[in-house]
Amino acid sequence: MNQYFTEVELADYKWKLDYSNKILFLGSCFTENIGGKMAELNFQTLINPFGIVYNPMSVANSLQALVEKRAYTEADLFEQSGQWGSYDFHSRYSGSSAEETLTKINKQVECGHQFLLDADYVIITFGTAWVFDLKETGKVVANCHKSPASDFIRYRLTLEEIVERFRDLLTVLLKFNSKLKFVFTVSPIRHLKDGASGNQLSKSTLLLAVDQLVKSYGKECCSYFPSYEIVMDELRDYRFYAADLVHLSPVAVDHIWLKFQQSLIDKKSIELMAKISKIRKAINHKPFRKDAPEYSIFLTQNMKKIKELTINFPYLNLQNEKEYFQKELNGCK
């Protein structure tokens, strides 16, 4: 059979993810694509507790805040057009009052701290090496919240800046939780506001930084997953992009997800994923008649499958699925 693309060789990873693991995802929206796939299949995940974060410094600052369980105060917020927010957080955590916003963001920090304390893996996706410093504080922001460009200084991080920050941070993280392992990846989503050349320089900086970190800490602790290369070499066609020609299409995300499974998820968990996927599809099943005996049998069979899975895999959380089928059963009576 003819080969019509250059297939990216995947590394022989020293360890594999499974359903018993707790996995923290941090980084760009690409992180949310893969993290979202795992969450849908009931893996134990926490995805971007600060919201989408694009640059390495903001990812590092987020992780540092989780380790320290930083308590944000009103002094850490800004007010703009009646909305209160934090430059460390996505606008989804903004609110109409300082109190509301602080409640949201400190809850995220508390949740993230507890999760990280017992996590097995941290999967980090770098999106861009370009950052914005808030002139007022001199600090890198995670999100500009559409504030005037004149409020910021924009520049590209150097390789040395990224590596130094993360070398220090990984040491802190491993003292905080010695069992942590790290998977780095670089988002294939292009930041064309930087121009084609600026985007390439940015991605190159990120790739070199990750390479140095993996070499420094060794494959027992750190690994790299080549999502960027998969898109550039295996999906080198605009049909794999969304209408904006920047973000990836669902087909492209599914392709990368398949590669991720093959290389980083153990075989038993892949088998378990198939069973959970069937249960998820059953939830989307729409019967012609809910009062038909066949529908009650269908629901009962799925309840039985859930019971068996929770007995055999006690760390699985299928409570939402159980409640759904039980509610449907009650409606059939």
C-alpha atoms as a PDB file:
ATOM      1  CA  MET A   1       0.000   0.000   0.000  1.00  0.00           C
ATOM      2  CA  ASN A   2       1.325   3.447  -0.921  1.00  0.00           C
ATOM      3  CA  GLN A   3       2.279   5.817   1.893  1.00  0.00           C
ATOM      4  CA  TYR A   4       1.017   9.336   1.192  1.00  0.00           C
ATOM      5  CA  PHE A   5       2.504  11.150   4.162  1.00  0.00           C
ATOM      6  CA  THR A   6       5.564  11.106   6.386  1.00  0.00           C
ATOM      7  CA  GLU A   7       4.567   9.296   9.549  1.00  0.00           C
ATOM      8  CA  VAL A   8       5.978  10.762  12.747  1.00  0.00           C
ATOM      9  CA  GLU A   9       7.844   8.197  14.785  1.00  0.00           C
ATOM     10  CA  LEU A  10       6.561   8.028  18.349  1.00  0.00           C
ATOM     11  CA  ALA A  11       8.904   7.552  21.259  1.00  0.00           C
ATOM     12  CA  ASP A  12       9.050   4.434  23.386  1.00  0.00           C
ATOM     13  CA  TYR A  13       7.687   6.000  26.550  1.00  0.00           C
ATOM     14  CA  LYS A  14       8.927   4.542  29.838  1.00  0.00           C
ATOM     15  CA  TRP A  15       5.483   4.747  31.389  1.00  0.00           C
ATOM     16  CA  LYS A  16       1.841   4.747  30.338  1.00  0.00           C
ATOM     17  CA  LEU A  17      -1.249   6.540  31.606  1.00  0.00           C
ATOM     18  CA  ASP A  18      -4.115   4.514  33.000  1.00  0.00           C
ATOM     19  CA  TYR A  19      -7.495   5.035  34.661  1.00  0.00           C
ATOM     20  CA  SER A  20      -6.052   4.925  38.174  1.00  0.00           C
ATOM     21  CA  ASN A  21      -3.916   8.005  37.434  1.00  0.00           C
ATOM     22  CA  LYS A  22      -4.775  11.603  38.221  1.00  0.00           C
ATOM     23  CA  ILE A  23      -3.783  13.834  35.312  1.00  0.00           C
ATOM     24  CA  LEU A  24      -3.471  17.621  35.360  1.00  0.00           C
ATOM     25  CA  PHE A  25      -3.610  19.409  31.995  1.00  0.00           C
ATOM     26  CA  LEU A  26      -2.251  22.933  31.605  1.00  0.00           C
ATOM     27  CA  GLY A  27      -1.688  25.137  28.593  1.00  0.00           C
ATOM     28  CA  SER A  28      -3.228  26.259  25.341  1.00  0.00           C
ATOM     29  CA  CYS A  29      -6.592  25.310  23.891  1.00  0.00           C
ATOM     30  CA  PHE A  30      -4.943  22.229  22.371  1.00  0.00           C
ATOM     31  CA  THR A  31      -4.574  20.992  25.952  1.00  0.00           C
ATOM     32  CA  GLU A  32      -8.328  21.255  26.331  1.00  0.00           C
ATOM     33  CA  ASN A  33      -8.876  19.186  23.172  1.00  0.00           C
ATOM     34  CA  ILE A  34      -6.895  16.165  24.411  1.00  0.00           C
ATOM     35  CA  GLY A  35      -7.802  16.699  28.065  1.00  0.00           C
ATOM     36  CA  GLY A  36     -11.433  16.956  27.033  1.00  0.00           C
ATOM     37  CA  LYS A  37     -11.226  13.605  25.234  1.00  0.00           C
ATOM     38  CA  MET A  38      -9.909  11.971  28.403  1.00  0.00           C
ATOM     39  CA  ALA A  39     -12.501  13.683  30.607  1.00  0.00           C
ATOM     40  CA  GLU A  40     -15.313  12.468  28.333  1.00  0.00           C
ATOM     41  CA  LEU A  41     -14.011   8.933  28.820  1.00  0.00           C
ATOM     42  CA  ASN A  42     -14.029   9.348  32.628  1.00  0.00           C
ATOM     43  CA  PHE A  43     -10.297   9.591  33.253  1.00  0.00           C
ATOM     44  CA  GLN A  44      -9.441  11.436  36.458  1.00  0.00           C
ATOM     45  CA  THR A  45      -8.508  14.826  35.028  1.00  0.00           C
ATOM     46  CA  LEU A  46      -8.280  18.481  35.936  1.00  0.00           C
ATOM     47  CA  ILE A  47      -8.062  20.751  32.907  1.00  0.00           C
ATOM     48  CA  ASN A  48      -6.726  24.301  33.018  1.00  0.00           C
ATOM     49  CA  PRO A  49      -7.845  25.465  36.467  1.00  0.00           C
ATOM     50  CA  PHE A  50      -6.721  28.998  35.464  1.00  0.00           C
ATOM     51  CA  GLY A  51      -8.382  28.772  32.063  1.00  0.00           C
ATOM     52  CA  ILE A  52      -6.511  28.580  28.765  1.00  0.00           C
ATOM     53  CA  VAL A  53      -2.868  29.615  29.182  1.00  0.00           C
ATOM     54  CA  TYR A  54      -0.671  30.099  26.122  1.00  0.00           C
ATOM     55  CA  ASN A  55       2.860  31.027  27.151  1.00  0.00           C
ATOM     56  CA  PRO A  56       5.399  29.074  29.265  1.00  0.00           C
ATOM     57  CA  MET A  57       5.821  31.767  31.916  1.00  0.00           C
ATOM     58  CA  SER A  58       2.108  31.883  32.654  1.00  0.00           C
ATOM     59  CA  VAL A  59       1.963  28.077  32.779  1.00  0.00           C
ATOM     60  CA  ALA A  60       4.836  28.143  35.273  1.00  0.00           C
ATOM     61  CA  ASN A  61       3.185  30.882  37.331  1.00  0.00           C
ATOM     62  CA  SER A  62      -0.044  28.883  37.441  1.00  0.00           C
ATOM     63  CA  LEU A  63       1.732  25.772  38.699  1.00  0.00           C
ATOM     64  CA  GLN A  64       3.648  27.820  41.271  1.00  0.00           C
ATOM     65  CA  ALA A  65       0.382  29.296  42.562  1.00  0.00           C
ATOM     66  CA  LEU A  66      -1.103  25.801  42.905  1.00  0.00           C
ATOM     67  CA  VAL A  67       1.891  24.533  44.865  1.00  0.00           C
ATOM     68  CA  GLU A  68       1.806  27.529  47.198  1.00  0.00           C
ATOM     69  CA  LYS A  69      -2.016  27.511  47.367  1.00  0.00           C
ATOM     70  CA  ARG A  70      -1.836  31.215  46.785  1.00  0.00           C
ATOM     71  CA  ALA A  71      -4.703  33.224  48.245  1.00  0.00           C
ATOM     72  CA  TYR A  72      -5.681  35.975  45.813  1.00  0.00           C
ATOM     73  CA  THR A  73      -6.902  39.285  47.256  1.00  0.00           C
ATOM     74  CA  GLU A  74      -8.613  42.343  45.833  1.00  0.00           C
ATOM     75  CA  ALA A  75      -5.154  43.865  45.258  1.00  0.00           C
ATOM     76  CA  ASP A  76      -4.567  41.138  42.625  1.00  0.00           C
ATOM     77  CA  LEU A  77      -7.648  42.127  40.620  1.00  0.00           C
ATOM     78  CA  PHE A  78      -8.490  44.853  38.134  1.00  0.00           C
ATOM     79  CA  GLU A  79     -11.844  46.427  37.320  1.00  0.00           C
ATOM     80  CA  GLN A  80     -12.880  47.178  33.764  1.00  0.00           C
ATOM     81  CA  SER A  81     -16.345  48.209  32.544  1.00  0.00           C
ATOM     82  CA  GLY A  82     -17.978  46.870  35.694  1.00  0.00           C
ATOM     83  CA  GLN A  83     -16.204  43.499  35.505  1.00  0.00           C
ATOM     84  CA  TRP A  84     -13.557  42.332  37.962  1.00  0.00           C
ATOM     85  CA  GLY A  85     -10.849  39.965  36.797  1.00  0.00           C
ATOM     86  CA  SER A  86      -7.311  38.727  37.271  1.00  0.00           C
ATOM     87  CA  TYR A  87      -4.547  38.819  34.678  1.00  0.00           C
ATOM     88  CA  ASP A  88      -3.561  35.328  35.905  1.00  0.00           C
ATOM     89  CA  PHE A  89      -6.952  33.860  34.949  1.00  0.00           C
ATOM     90  CA  HIS A  90      -9.141  33.515  31.879  1.00  0.00           C
ATOM     91  CA  SER A  91     -12.161  35.824  31.657  1.00  0.00           C
ATOM     92  CA  ARG A  92     -14.459  32.880  32.455  1.00  0.00           C
ATOM     93  CA  TYR A  93     -13.489  33.504  36.091  1.00  0.00           C
ATOM     94  CA  SER A  94     -14.287  37.224  36.021  1.00  0.00           C
ATOM     95  CA  GLY A  95     -17.283  38.550  37.925  1.00  0.00           C
ATOM     96  CA  SER A  96     -19.425  41.605  38.554  1.00  0.00           C
ATOM     97  CA  SER A  97     -17.794  42.182  41.943  1.00  0.00           C
ATOM     98  CA  ALA A  98     -14.391  41.650  43.519  1.00  0.00           C
ATOM     99  CA  GLU A  99     -15.922  39.260  46.037  1.00  0.00           C
ATOM    100  CA  GLU A 100     -17.525  37.099  43.334  1.00  0.00           C
ATOM    101  CA  THR A 101     -14.294  36.949  41.334  1.00  0.00           C
ATOM    102  CA  LEU A 102     -12.142  36.095  44.358  1.00  0.00           C
ATOM    103  CA  THR A 103     -14.528  33.318  45.334  1.00  0.00           C
ATOM    104  CA  LYS A 104     -14.234  31.814  41.836  1.00  0.00           C
ATOM    105  CA  ILE A 105     -10.468  32.034  41.456  1.00  0.00           C
ATOM    106  CA  ASN A 106      -9.535  30.998  44.995  1.00  0.00           C
ATOM    107  CA  LYS A 107     -11.819  27.990  44.647  1.00  0.00           C
ATOM    108  CA  GLN A 108      -9.897  27.050  41.485  1.00  0.00           C
ATOM    109  CA  VAL A 109      -6.562  27.390  43.289  1.00  0.00           C
ATOM    110  CA  GLU A 110      -7.773  25.278  46.227  1.00  0.00           C
ATOM    111  CA  CYS A 111      -9.116  22.582  43.895  1.00  0.00           C
ATOM    112  CA  GLY A 112      -5.932  22.611  41.806  1.00  0.00           C
ATOM    113  CA  HIS A 113      -3.675  22.462  44.871  1.00  0.00           C
ATOM    114  CA  GLN A 114      -5.449  19.386  46.223  1.00  0.00           C
ATOM    115  CA  PHE A 115      -5.445  17.697  42.821  1.00  0.00           C
ATOM    116  CA  LEU A 116      -1.755  18.388  42.209  1.00  0.00           C
ATOM    117  CA  LEU A 117      -0.873  17.071  45.655  1.00  0.00           C
ATOM    118  CA  ASP A 118      -2.068  13.611  44.592  1.00  0.00           C
ATOM    119  CA  ALA A 119      -1.557  13.823  40.820  1.00  0.00           C
ATOM    120  CA  ASP A 120       0.493  11.338  38.824  1.00  0.00           C
ATOM    121  CA  TYR A 121       1.006  13.323  35.626  1.00  0.00           C
ATOM    122  CA  VAL A 122       1.142  16.920  34.491  1.00  0.00           C
ATOM    123  CA  ILE A 123       0.615  17.388  30.762  1.00  0.00           C
ATOM    124  CA  ILE A 124       1.787  20.807  29.583  1.00  0.00           C
ATOM    125  CA  THR A 125       1.153  22.359  26.185  1.00  0.00           C
ATOM    126  CA  PHE A 126       3.089  25.468  25.202  1.00  0.00           C
ATOM    127  CA  GLY A 127       1.304  27.622  22.638  1.00  0.00           C
ATOM    128  CA  THR A 128       3.558  30.594  22.048  1.00  0.00           C
ATOM    129  CA  ALA A 129       6.819  32.111  23.261  1.00  0.00           C
ATOM    130  CA  TRP A 130       5.387  35.622  22.837  1.00  0.00           C
ATOM    131  CA  VAL A 131       4.322  37.252  26.110  1.00  0.00           C
ATOM    132  CA  PHE A 132       2.744  40.460  27.390  1.00  0.00           C
ATOM    133  CA  ASP A 133       4.163  42.264  30.417  1.00  0.00           C
ATOM    134  CA  LEU A 134       1.729  44.502  32.260  1.00  0.00           C
ATOM    135  CA  LYS A 135       3.524  47.858  32.500  1.00  0.00           C
ATOM    136  CA  GLU A 136       1.956  48.631  35.862  1.00  0.00           C
ATOM    137  CA  THR A 137       3.484  45.551  37.549  1.00  0.00           C
ATOM    138  CA  GLY A 138       6.202  44.382  35.159  1.00  0.00           C
ATOM    139  CA  LYS A 139       4.748  40.872  35.305  1.00  0.00           C
ATOM    140  CA  VAL A 140       3.780  38.534  32.470  1.00  0.00           C
ATOM    141  CA  VAL A 141       0.016  38.155  32.121  1.00  0.00           C
ATOM    142  CA  ALA A 142      -1.802  34.954  31.196  1.00  0.00           C
ATOM    143  CA  ASN A 143      -4.693  36.830  29.620  1.00  0.00           C
ATOM    144  CA  CYS A 144      -4.911  40.458  28.468  1.00  0.00           C
ATOM    145  CA  HIS A 145      -8.709  40.615  28.913  1.00  0.00           C
ATOM    146  CA  LYS A 146      -8.904  42.943  25.868  1.00  0.00           C
ATOM    147  CA  SER A 147      -7.218  45.724  27.816  1.00  0.00           C
ATOM    148  CA  PRO A 148      -5.570  48.447  25.676  1.00  0.00           C
ATOM    149  CA  ALA A 149      -2.339  47.337  23.984  1.00  0.00           C
ATOM    150  CA  SER A 150      -0.662  50.409  25.459  1.00  0.00           C
ATOM    151  CA  ASP A 151      -0.942  48.778  28.912  1.00  0.00           C
ATOM    152  CA  PHE A 152       1.538  46.067  27.916  1.00  0.00           C
ATOM    153  CA  ILE A 153       5.050  45.446  26.641  1.00  0.00           C
ATOM    154  CA  ARG A 154       5.145  42.570  24.152  1.00  0.00           C
ATOM    155  CA  TYR A 155       8.239  40.458  23.491  1.00  0.00           C
ATOM    156  CA  ARG A 156       9.376  36.917  22.718  1.00  0.00           C
ATOM    157  CA  LEU A 157      10.842  34.784  25.491  1.00  0.00           C
ATOM    158  CA  THR A 158      14.318  33.401  24.969  1.00  0.00           C
ATOM    159  CA  LEU A 159      15.217  29.744  25.130  1.00  0.00           C
ATOM    160  CA  GLU A 160      17.279  30.404  28.268  1.00  0.00           C
ATOM    161  CA  GLU A 161      14.423  32.183  30.063  1.00  0.00           C
ATOM    162  CA  ILE A 162      12.023  29.283  29.534  1.00  0.00           C
ATOM    163  CA  VAL A 163      14.517  26.577  30.487  1.00  0.00           C
ATOM    164  CA  GLU A 164      15.705  28.372  33.620  1.00  0.00           C
ATOM    165  CA  ARG A 165      12.146  28.999  34.833  1.00  0.00           C
ATOM    166  CA  PHE A 166      11.060  25.420  34.309  1.00  0.00           C
ATOM    167  CA  ARG A 167      14.194  23.834  35.729  1.00  0.00           C
ATOM    168  CA  ASP A 168      13.529  25.695  38.959  1.00  0.00           C
ATOM    169  CA  LEU A 169       9.814  24.912  38.829  1.00  0.00           C
ATOM    170  CA  LEU A 170      10.181  21.181  38.169  1.00  0.00           C
ATOM    171  CA  THR A 171      12.477  20.924  41.187  1.00  0.00           C
ATOM    172  CA  VAL A 172       9.800  22.614  43.315  1.00  0.00           C
ATOM    173  CA  LEU A 173       7.056  20.390  41.902  1.00  0.00           C
ATOM    174  CA  LEU A 174       8.980  17.175  42.556  1.00  0.00           C
ATOM    175  CA  LYS A 175       9.563  18.236  46.167  1.00  0.00           C
ATOM    176  CA  PHE A 176       5.842  18.955  46.453  1.00  0.00           C
ATOM    177  CA  ASN A 177       4.842  15.606  44.889  1.00  0.00           C
ATOM    178  CA  SER A 178       7.721  13.212  44.220  1.00  0.00           C
ATOM    179  CA  LYS A 179       5.703  10.833  42.024  1.00  0.00           C
ATOM    180  CA  LEU A 180       4.911  13.449  39.364  1.00  0.00           C
ATOM    181  CA  LYS A 181       5.816  12.816  35.754  1.00  0.00           C
ATOM    182  CA  PHE A 182       5.627  15.419  33.017  1.00  0.00           C
ATOM    183  CA  VAL A 183       4.564  15.247  29.391  1.00  0.00           C
ATOM    184  CA  PHE A 184       5.408  18.333  27.341  1.00  0.00           C
ATOM    185  CA  THR A 185       3.917  19.139  23.982  1.00  0.00           C
ATOM    186  CA  VAL A 186       3.898  22.155  21.664  1.00  0.00           C
ATOM    187  CA  SER A 187       0.579  23.254  20.216  1.00  0.00           C
ATOM    188  CA  PRO A 188       0.311  22.892  16.432  1.00  0.00           C
ATOM    189  CA  ILE A 189      -2.116  25.827  16.374  1.00  0.00           C
ATOM    190  CA  ARG A 190      -0.395  28.755  14.694  1.00  0.00           C
ATOM    191  CA  HIS A 191      -0.334  32.259  16.173  1.00  0.00           C
ATOM    192  CA  LEU A 192      -0.414  34.168  12.890  1.00  0.00           C
ATOM    193  CA  LYS A 193      -0.861  37.544  14.586  1.00  0.00           C
ATOM    194  CA  ASP A 194       2.899  37.240  15.081  1.00  0.00           C
ATOM    195  CA  GLY A 195       3.329  36.751  11.333  1.00  0.00           C
ATOM    196  CA  ALA A 196       4.393  33.494   9.686  1.00  0.00           C
ATOM    197  CA  SER A 197       8.048  34.067  10.563  1.00  0.00           C
ATOM    198  CA  GLY A 198       7.269  35.178  14.114  1.00  0.00           C
ATOM    199  CA  ASN A 199       5.155  32.077  14.637  1.00  0.00           C
ATOM    200  CA  GLN A 200       7.941  29.790  13.433  1.00  0.00           C
ATOM    201  CA  LEU A 201      10.524  31.497  15.644  1.00  0.00           C
ATOM    202  CA  SER A 202       8.146  31.123  18.573  1.00  0.00           C
ATOM    203  CA  LYS A 203       7.456  27.431  17.975  1.00  0.00           C
ATOM    204  CA  SER A 204      11.172  26.752  17.437  1.00  0.00           C
ATOM    205  CA  THR A 205      11.990  28.394  20.760  1.00  0.00           C
ATOM    206  CA  LEU A 206       9.392  26.259  22.522  1.00  0.00           C
ATOM    207  CA  LEU A 207      10.595  23.044  20.892  1.00  0.00           C
ATOM    208  CA  LEU A 208      14.219  23.714  21.827  1.00  0.00           C
ATOM    209  CA  ALA A 209      13.238  24.566  25.403  1.00  0.00           C
ATOM    210  CA  VAL A 210      11.255  21.347  25.822  1.00  0.00           C
ATOM    211  CA  ASP A 211      14.123  19.335  24.347  1.00  0.00           C
ATOM    212  CA  GLN A 212      16.538  20.759  26.919  1.00  0.00           C
ATOM    213  CA  LEU A 213      14.129  20.110  29.794  1.00  0.00           C
ATOM    214  CA  VAL A 214      13.547  16.492  28.779  1.00  0.00           C
ATOM    215  CA  LYS A 215      17.298  15.923  28.456  1.00  0.00           C
ATOM    216  CA  SER A 216      17.954  17.598  31.824  1.00  0.00           C
ATOM    217  CA  TYR A 217      15.434  15.558  33.794  1.00  0.00           C
ATOM    218  CA  GLY A 218      15.574  12.323  31.828  1.00  0.00           C
ATOM    219  CA  LYS A 219      12.894  10.156  30.305  1.00  0.00           C
ATOM    220  CA  GLU A 220      12.053   8.615  33.684  1.00  0.00           C
ATOM    221  CA  CYS A 221      10.532  11.960  34.657  1.00  0.00           C
ATOM    222  CA  CYS A 222       9.884  13.984  31.479  1.00  0.00           C
ATOM    223  CA  SER A 223       8.749  13.154  27.969  1.00  0.00           C
ATOM    224  CA  TYR A 224       7.751  14.972  24.820  1.00  0.00           C
ATOM    225  CA  PHE A 225       4.698  14.150  22.715  1.00  0.00           C
ATOM    226  CA  PRO A 226       5.067  15.403  19.107  1.00  0.00           C
ATOM    227  CA  SER A 227       1.639  16.915  18.459  1.00  0.00           C
ATOM    228  CA  TYR A 228       3.224  19.781  16.511  1.00  0.00           C
ATOM    229  CA  GLU A 229       5.127  17.414  14.229  1.00  0.00           C
ATOM    230  CA  ILE A 230       2.107  15.173  13.669  1.00  0.00           C
ATOM    231  CA  VAL A 231       0.129  18.083  12.270  1.00  0.00           C
ATOM    232  CA  MET A 232       3.019  19.506  10.254  1.00  0.00           C
ATOM    233  CA  ASP A 233       3.979  16.174   8.645  1.00  0.00           C
ATOM    234  CA  GLU A 234       0.977  13.866   8.751  1.00  0.00           C
ATOM    235  CA  LEU A 235      -1.809  16.433   8.359  1.00  0.00           C
ATOM    236  CA  ARG A 236      -0.155  18.872   5.980  1.00  0.00           C
ATOM    237  CA  ASP A 237      -3.391  19.977   4.344  1.00  0.00           C
ATOM    238  CA  TYR A 238      -5.919  22.745   5.037  1.00  0.00           C
ATOM    239  CA  ARG A 239      -8.777  20.246   5.069  1.00  0.00           C
ATOM    240  CA  PHE A 240      -7.559  19.342   8.567  1.00  0.00           C
ATOM    241  CA  TYR A 241      -8.181  22.884   9.781  1.00  0.00           C
ATOM    242  CA  ALA A 242     -11.287  24.739  10.927  1.00  0.00           C
ATOM    243  CA  ALA A 243     -12.836  27.531   8.879  1.00  0.00           C
ATOM    244  CA  ASP A 244     -10.396  30.081  10.334  1.00  0.00           C
ATOM    245  CA  LEU A 245      -7.504  28.039   8.843  1.00  0.00           C
ATOM    246  CA  VAL A 246      -5.717  28.262  12.190  1.00  0.00           C
ATOM    247  CA  HIS A 247      -7.462  25.942  14.633  1.00  0.00           C
ATOM    248  CA  LEU A 248      -7.681  22.208  14.001  1.00  0.00           C
ATOM    249  CA  SER A 249     -10.731  20.412  12.690  1.00  0.00           C
ATOM    250  CA  PRO A 250     -12.375  17.610  14.723  1.00  0.00           C
ATOM    251  CA  VAL A 251     -10.819  15.103  12.298  1.00  0.00           C
ATOM    252  CA  ALA A 252      -7.335  16.425  13.078  1.00  0.00           C
ATOM    253  CA  VAL A 253      -7.970  16.358  16.829  1.00  0.00           C
ATOM    254  CA  ASP A 254      -9.211  12.763  16.538  1.00  0.00           C
ATOM    255  CA  HIS A 255      -6.055  11.803  14.613  1.00  0.00           C
ATOM    256  CA  ILE A 256      -3.774  13.251  17.283  1.00  0.00           C
ATOM    257  CA  TRP A 257      -5.896  11.655  20.004  1.00  0.00           C
ATOM    258  CA  LEU A 258      -5.430   8.258  18.339  1.00  0.00           C
ATOM    259  CA  LYS A 259      -1.651   8.781  18.289  1.00  0.00           C
ATOM    260  CA  PHE A 260      -1.751   9.860  21.921  1.00  0.00           C
ATOM    261  CA  GLN A 261      -3.626   6.679  22.864  1.00  0.00           C
ATOM    262  CA  GLN A 262      -1.216   4.444  20.970  1.00  0.00           C
ATOM    263  CA  SER A 263       1.845   5.914  22.621  1.00  0.00           C
ATOM    264  CA  LEU A 264       0.829   7.068  26.093  1.00  0.00           C
ATOM    265  CA  ILE A 265      -2.171   5.026  27.321  1.00  0.00           C
ATOM    266  CA  ASP A 266      -1.801   1.424  28.452  1.00  0.00           C
ATOM    267  CA  LYS A 267      -3.623  -1.410  26.672  1.00  0.00           C
ATOM    268  CA  LYS A 268      -5.946  -2.294  29.544  1.00  0.00           C
ATOM    269  CA  SER A 269      -7.135   1.297  29.745  1.00  0.00           C
ATOM    270  CA  ILE A 270      -7.728   1.398  25.988  1.00  0.00           C
ATOM    271  CA  GLU A 271      -9.945  -1.670  26.377  1.00  0.00           C
ATOM    272  CA  LEU A 272     -11.747   0.028  29.245  1.00  0.00           C
ATOM    273  CA  MET A 273     -12.140   3.179  27.153  1.00  0.00           C
ATOM    274  CA  ALA A 274     -14.067   1.161  24.571  1.00  0.00           C
ATOM    275  CA  LYS A 275     -16.517  -0.061  27.220  1.00  0.00           C
ATOM    276  CA  ILE A 276     -17.041   3.417  28.648  1.00  0.00           C
ATOM    277  CA  SER A 277     -17.447   4.831  25.151  1.00  0.00           C
ATOM    278  CA  LYS A 278     -20.345   2.417  24.567  1.00  0.00           C
ATOM    279  CA  ILE A 279     -22.010   3.622  27.747  1.00  0.00           C
ATOM    280  CA  ARG A 280     -21.541   7.242  26.678  1.00  0.00           C
ATOM    281  CA  LYS A 281     -23.094   6.454  23.288  1.00  0.00           C
ATOM    282  CA  ALA A 282     -25.997   4.736  25.041  1.00  0.00           C
ATOM    283  CA  ILE A 283     -26.725   7.982  26.886  1.00  0.00           C
ATOM    284  CA  ASN A 284     -27.128   9.717  23.515  1.00  0.00           C
ATOM    285  CA  HIS A 285     -29.512   7.029  22.298  1.00  0.00           C
ATOM    286  CA  LYS A 286     -32.998   8.415  21.643  1.00  0.00           C
ATOM    287  CA  PRO A 287     -35.745   5.769  21.714  1.00  0.00           C
ATOM    288  CA  PHE A 288     -38.849   5.978  19.540  1.00  0.00           C
ATOM    289  CA  ARG A 289     -40.973   5.222  22.610  1.00  0.00           C
ATOM    290  CA  LYS A 290     -39.774   5.531  26.196  1.00  0.00           C
ATOM    291  CA  ASP A 291     -42.641   3.355  27.402  1.00  0.00           C
ATOM    292  CA  ALA A 292     -41.572   0.423  25.205  1.00  0.00           C
ATOM    293  CA  PRO A 293     -40.373  -2.681  27.132  1.00  0.00           C
ATOM    294  CA  GLU A 294     -37.243  -2.806  24.959  1.00  0.00           C
ATOM    295  CA  TYR A 295     -36.138   0.583  26.276  1.00  0.00           C
ATOM    296  CA  SER A 296     -36.407  -0.574  29.894  1.00  0.00           C
ATOM    297  CA  ILE A 297     -34.303  -3.626  29.033  1.00  0.00           C
ATOM    298  CA  PHE A 298     -31.757  -1.372  27.308  1.00  0.00           C
ATOM    299  CA  LEU A 299     -31.495   0.859  30.389  1.00  0.00           C
ATOM    300  CA  THR A 300     -31.240  -2.083  32.772  1.00  0.00           C
ATOM    301  CA  GLN A 301     -28.439  -3.627  30.728  1.00  0.00           C
ATOM    302  CA  ASN A 302     -26.459  -0.382  30.889  1.00  0.00           C
ATOM    303  CA  MET A 303     -27.012  -0.104  34.632  1.00  0.00           C
ATOM    304  CA  LYS A 304     -25.609  -3.625  34.957  1.00  0.00           C
ATOM    305  CA  LYS A 305     -22.541  -2.677  32.880  1.00  0.00           C
ATOM    306  CA  ILE A 306     -21.910   0.347  35.113  1.00  0.00           C
ATOM    307  CA  LYS A 307     -22.203  -1.763  38.252  1.00  0.00           C
ATOM    308  CA  GLU A 308     -19.701  -4.307  36.918  1.00  0.00           C
ATOM    309  CA  LEU A 309     -17.231  -1.595  35.919  1.00  0.00           C
ATOM    310  CA  THR A 310     -17.368   0.171  39.283  1.00  0.00           C
ATOM    311  CA  ILE A 311     -16.806  -3.135  41.095  1.00  0.00           C
ATOM    312  CA  ASN A 312     -13.856  -4.101  38.906  1.00  0.00           C
ATOM    313  CA  PHE A 313     -12.415  -0.580  38.739  1.00  0.00           C
ATOM    314  CA  PRO A 314     -13.299   1.183  42.026  1.00  0.00           C
ATOM    315  CA  TYR A 315     -11.421   4.352  41.030  1.00  0.00           C
ATOM    316  CA  LEU A 316     -13.833   4.918  38.114  1.00  0.00           C
ATOM    317  CA  ASN A 317     -16.405   7.653  38.655  1.00  0.00           C
ATOM    318  CA  LEU A 318     -19.533   6.712  36.722  1.00  0.00           C
ATOM    319  CA  GLN A 319     -21.977   8.416  39.067  1.00  0.00           C
ATOM    320  CA  ASN A 320     -23.382  10.782  36.414  1.00  0.00           C
ATOM    321  CA  GLU A 321     -23.989   7.912  34.009  1.00  0.00           C
ATOM    322  CA  LYS A 322     -25.618   5.849  36.748  1.00  0.00           C
ATOM    323  CA  GLU A 323     -27.919   8.712  37.701  1.00  0.00           C
ATOM    324  CA  TYR A 324     -28.910   9.258  34.072  1.00  0.00           C
ATOM    325  CA  PHE A 325     -29.961   5.653  33.468  1.00  0.00           C
ATOM    326  CA  GLN A 326     -31.701   5.436  36.841  1.00  0.00           C
ATOM    327  CA  LYS A 327     -33.691   8.593  36.068  1.00  0.00           C
ATOM    328  CA  GLU A 328     -34.704   7.155  32.691  1.00  0.00           C
ATOM    329  CA  LEU A 329     -35.725   3.892  34.342  1.00  0.00           C
ATOM    330  CA  ASN A 330     -37.850   5.735  36.864  1.00  0.00           C
ATOM    331  CA  GLY A 331     -39.557   7.558  34.004  1.00  0.00           C
ATOM    332  CA  CYS A 332     -40.477   4.238  32.403  1.00  0.00           C
ATOM    333  CA  LYS A 333     -42.457   3.081  35.415  1.00  0.00           C
END
